C-alpha atoms as a PDB file:
ATOM      1  CA  MET A   1      52.896  -1.092   4.941  1.00  0.00           C
ATOM      2  CA  LYS A   2      51.777   2.433   5.797  1.00  0.00           C
ATOM      3  CA  THR A   3      48.758   3.137   7.943  1.00  0.00           C
ATOM      4  CA  PHE A   4      45.717   5.017   6.720  1.00  0.00           C
ATOM      5  CA  ARG A   5      46.771   7.894   8.999  1.00  0.00           C
ATOM      6  CA  GLU A   6      50.213   8.114   7.376  1.00  0.00           C
ATOM      7  CA  ILE A   7      48.824   7.961   3.838  1.00  0.00           C
ATOM      8  CA  TYR A   8      46.095  10.524   4.575  1.00  0.00           C
ATOM      9  CA  CYS A   9      48.494  12.991   6.198  1.00  0.00           C
ATOM     10  CA  GLU A  10      51.006  12.578   3.375  1.00  0.00           C
ATOM     11  CA  LYS A  11      48.433  13.111   0.622  1.00  0.00           C
ATOM     12  CA  ASN A  12      46.620  15.994   2.323  1.00  0.00           C
ATOM     13  CA  GLY A  13      49.505  17.877   3.881  1.00  0.00           C
ATOM     14  CA  CYS A  14      48.027  17.218   7.294  1.00  0.00           C
ATOM     15  CA  THR A  15      50.043  16.986  10.478  1.00  0.00           C
ATOM     16  CA  ASP A  16      49.597  13.949  12.682  1.00  0.00           C
ATOM     17  CA  SER A  17      48.195  16.164  15.434  1.00  0.00           C
ATOM     18  CA  ARG A  18      45.452  17.492  13.084  1.00  0.00           C
ATOM     19  CA  PHE A  19      44.446  14.083  11.708  1.00  0.00           C
ATOM     20  CA  GLU A  20      41.556  13.383  14.112  1.00  0.00           C
ATOM     21  CA  HIS A  21      40.125  16.900  13.791  1.00  0.00           C
ATOM     22  CA  GLU A  22      40.317  16.821   9.981  1.00  0.00           C
ATOM     23  CA  LEU A  23      38.704  13.408   9.678  1.00  0.00           C
ATOM     24  CA  LEU A  24      35.976  14.286  12.165  1.00  0.00           C
ATOM     25  CA  TRP A  25      35.122  17.402  10.148  1.00  0.00           C
ATOM     26  CA  ARG A  26      35.480  15.734   6.756  1.00  0.00           C
ATOM     27  CA  CYS A  27      33.439  12.617   7.570  1.00  0.00           C
ATOM     28  CA  PHE A  28      30.777  14.118   9.831  1.00  0.00           C
ATOM     29  CA  TYR A  29      27.395  14.141   8.143  1.00  0.00           C
ATOM     30  CA  PRO A  30      27.181  17.467   6.236  1.00  0.00           C
ATOM     31  CA  HIS A  31      23.816  18.427   7.740  1.00  0.00           C
ATOM     32  CA  ALA A  32      25.298  18.053  11.244  1.00  0.00           C
ATOM     33  CA  ARG A  33      28.564  19.977  10.725  1.00  0.00           C
ATOM     34  CA  PRO A  34      27.137  23.301  11.965  1.00  0.00           C
ATOM     35  CA  LEU A  35      26.440  21.576  15.304  1.00  0.00           C
ATOM     36  CA  LEU A  36      30.034  20.387  15.819  1.00  0.00           C
ATOM     37  CA  PRO A  37      31.299  23.429  17.771  1.00  0.00           C
ATOM     38  CA  PHE A  38      28.265  23.398  20.061  1.00  0.00           C
ATOM     39  CA  MET A  39      28.444  19.661  20.669  1.00  0.00           C
ATOM     40  CA  LYS A  40      32.133  19.899  21.589  1.00  0.00           C
ATOM     41  CA  VAL A  41      31.346  22.525  24.212  1.00  0.00           C
ATOM     42  CA  MET A  42      28.246  20.788  25.569  1.00  0.00           C
ATOM     43  CA  SER A  43      29.685  17.274  25.921  1.00  0.00           C
ATOM     44  CA  LYS A  44      33.215  16.134  25.276  1.00  0.00           C
ATOM     45  CA  GLN A  45      32.112  12.500  25.721  1.00  0.00           C
ATOM     46  CA  TYR A  46      29.647  12.845  22.843  1.00  0.00           C
ATOM     47  CA  PHE A  47      32.436  12.208  20.334  1.00  0.00           C
ATOM     48  CA  THR A  48      33.986   9.194  22.093  1.00  0.00           C
ATOM     49  CA  ALA A  49      32.683   6.635  19.574  1.00  0.00           C
ATOM     50  CA  ASP A  50      33.567   8.852  16.584  1.00  0.00           C
ATOM     51  CA  LEU A  51      37.106   9.521  17.781  1.00  0.00           C
ATOM     52  CA  GLU A  52      37.699   5.853  18.551  1.00  0.00           C
ATOM     53  CA  LEU A  53      36.546   5.000  15.024  1.00  0.00           C
ATOM     54  CA  ILE A  54      38.909   7.595  13.551  1.00  0.00           C
ATOM     55  CA  ASN A  55      41.758   6.285  15.681  1.00  0.00           C
ATOM     56  CA  ASP A  56      41.081   2.643  14.736  1.00  0.00           C
ATOM     57  CA  VAL A  57      40.782   3.480  11.036  1.00  0.00           C
ATOM     58  CA  GLY A  58      43.886   5.653  11.275  1.00  0.00           C
ATOM     59  CA  TYR A  59      46.025   2.733  12.409  1.00  0.00           C
ATOM     60  CA  SER A  60      44.596   0.240   9.932  1.00  0.00           C
ATOM     61  CA  THR A  61      46.818  -0.964   7.123  1.00  0.00           C
ATOM     62  CA  GLY A  62      44.123  -2.197   4.762  1.00  0.00           C
ATOM     63  CA  ARG A  63      40.445  -2.354   3.955  1.00  0.00           C
ATOM     64  CA  GLN A  64      39.779  -5.190   6.388  1.00  0.00           C
ATOM     65  CA  GLY A  65      40.982  -2.995   9.246  1.00  0.00           C
ATOM     66  CA  VAL A  66      38.540  -0.281   8.191  1.00  0.00           C
ATOM     67  CA  LYS A  67      35.710  -2.806   7.983  1.00  0.00           C
ATOM     68  CA  ASP A  68      36.530  -4.151  11.452  1.00  0.00           C
ATOM     69  CA  ALA A  69      36.712  -0.632  12.917  1.00  0.00           C
ATOM     70  CA  ILE A  70      33.312   0.262  11.434  1.00  0.00           C
ATOM     71  CA  ASP A  71      31.767  -2.967  12.744  1.00  0.00           C
ATOM     72  CA  SER A  72      33.041  -2.112  16.237  1.00  0.00           C
ATOM     73  CA  TYR A  73      31.721   1.450  15.887  1.00  0.00           C
ATOM     74  CA  PHE A  74      28.167   0.250  15.333  1.00  0.00           C
ATOM     75  CA  HIS A  75      28.320  -1.701  18.615  1.00  0.00           C
ATOM     76  CA  HIS A  76      30.139   0.966  20.636  1.00  0.00           C
ATOM     77  CA  PRO A  77      28.259   1.718  23.876  1.00  0.00           C
ATOM     78  CA  ALA A  78      28.573   5.485  23.285  1.00  0.00           C
ATOM     79  CA  ASN A  79      27.055   5.250  19.806  1.00  0.00           C
ATOM     80  CA  VAL A  80      23.437   5.380  20.958  1.00  0.00           C
ATOM     81  CA  GLY A  81      20.638   7.872  21.307  1.00  0.00           C
ATOM     82  CA  PHE A  82      18.239   9.844  19.206  1.00  0.00           C
ATOM     83  CA  LEU A  83      20.789  12.423  17.976  1.00  0.00           C
ATOM     84  CA  ARG A  84      23.265   9.805  16.819  1.00  0.00           C
ATOM     85  CA  ARG A  85      20.920   7.143  15.431  1.00  0.00           C
ATOM     86  CA  ARG A  86      17.941   9.068  14.060  1.00  0.00           C
ATOM     87  CA  LEU A  87      19.300  12.543  13.333  1.00  0.00           C
ATOM     88  CA  ARG A  88      22.754  11.241  12.380  1.00  0.00           C
ATOM     89  CA  VAL A  89      24.718  13.791  14.351  1.00  0.00           C
ATOM     90  CA  ARG A  90      27.804  11.627  13.990  1.00  0.00           C
ATOM     91  CA  ILE A  91      30.433  10.416  11.570  1.00  0.00           C
ATOM     92  CA  SER A  92      29.299   8.862   8.307  1.00  0.00           C
ATOM     93  CA  THR A  93      30.734   5.374   7.968  1.00  0.00           C
ATOM     94  CA  ASN A  94      30.130   5.562   4.223  1.00  0.00           C
ATOM     95  CA  ALA A  95      32.320   8.672   4.084  1.00  0.00           C
ATOM     96  CA  ILE A  96      35.052   6.826   6.022  1.00  0.00           C
ATOM     97  CA  ARG A  97      34.828   3.824   3.656  1.00  0.00           C
ATOM     98  CA  HIS A  98      34.919   6.039   0.578  1.00  0.00           C
ATOM     99  CA  LEU A  99      37.877   8.053   1.851  1.00  0.00           C
ATOM    100  CA  ALA A 100      39.809   4.913   2.805  1.00  0.00           C
ATOM    101  CA  ARG A 101      39.159   3.418  -0.630  1.00  0.00           C
ATOM    102  CA  GLN A 102      40.430   6.649  -2.252  1.00  0.00           C
ATOM    103  CA  MET A 103      43.581   6.718  -0.152  1.00  0.00           C
ATOM    104  CA  TRP A 104      44.553   3.083  -0.764  1.00  0.00           C
ATOM    105  CA  ASP A 105      43.629   3.140  -4.454  1.00  0.00           C
ATOM    106  CA  SER A 106      45.884   6.146  -5.041  1.00  0.00           C
ATOM    107  CA  TYR A 107      48.719   4.828  -2.858  1.00  0.00           C
END
């Protein structure tokens, strides 16, 4: 069975090396997207939890893998703080779920 990463890249003409960047941009909360370039410069560790979620979802081969990755994301030690929790300057797990559902339903 193909991984989410393989299906996504195939359907979107994305290279494997661009997968994380594309998913980060696509699933980041829309109101927070303008902050992405600044956050990357200010703190590379800020995106640790988000990138681990993308990586875990990318290697999942079904919906249960996505669910497990999201559950882990909510308990990730780097997924704390006012910006992430209150202002939602982070990835949207609903966007990840929706995208995964789209990819597997059309596969």
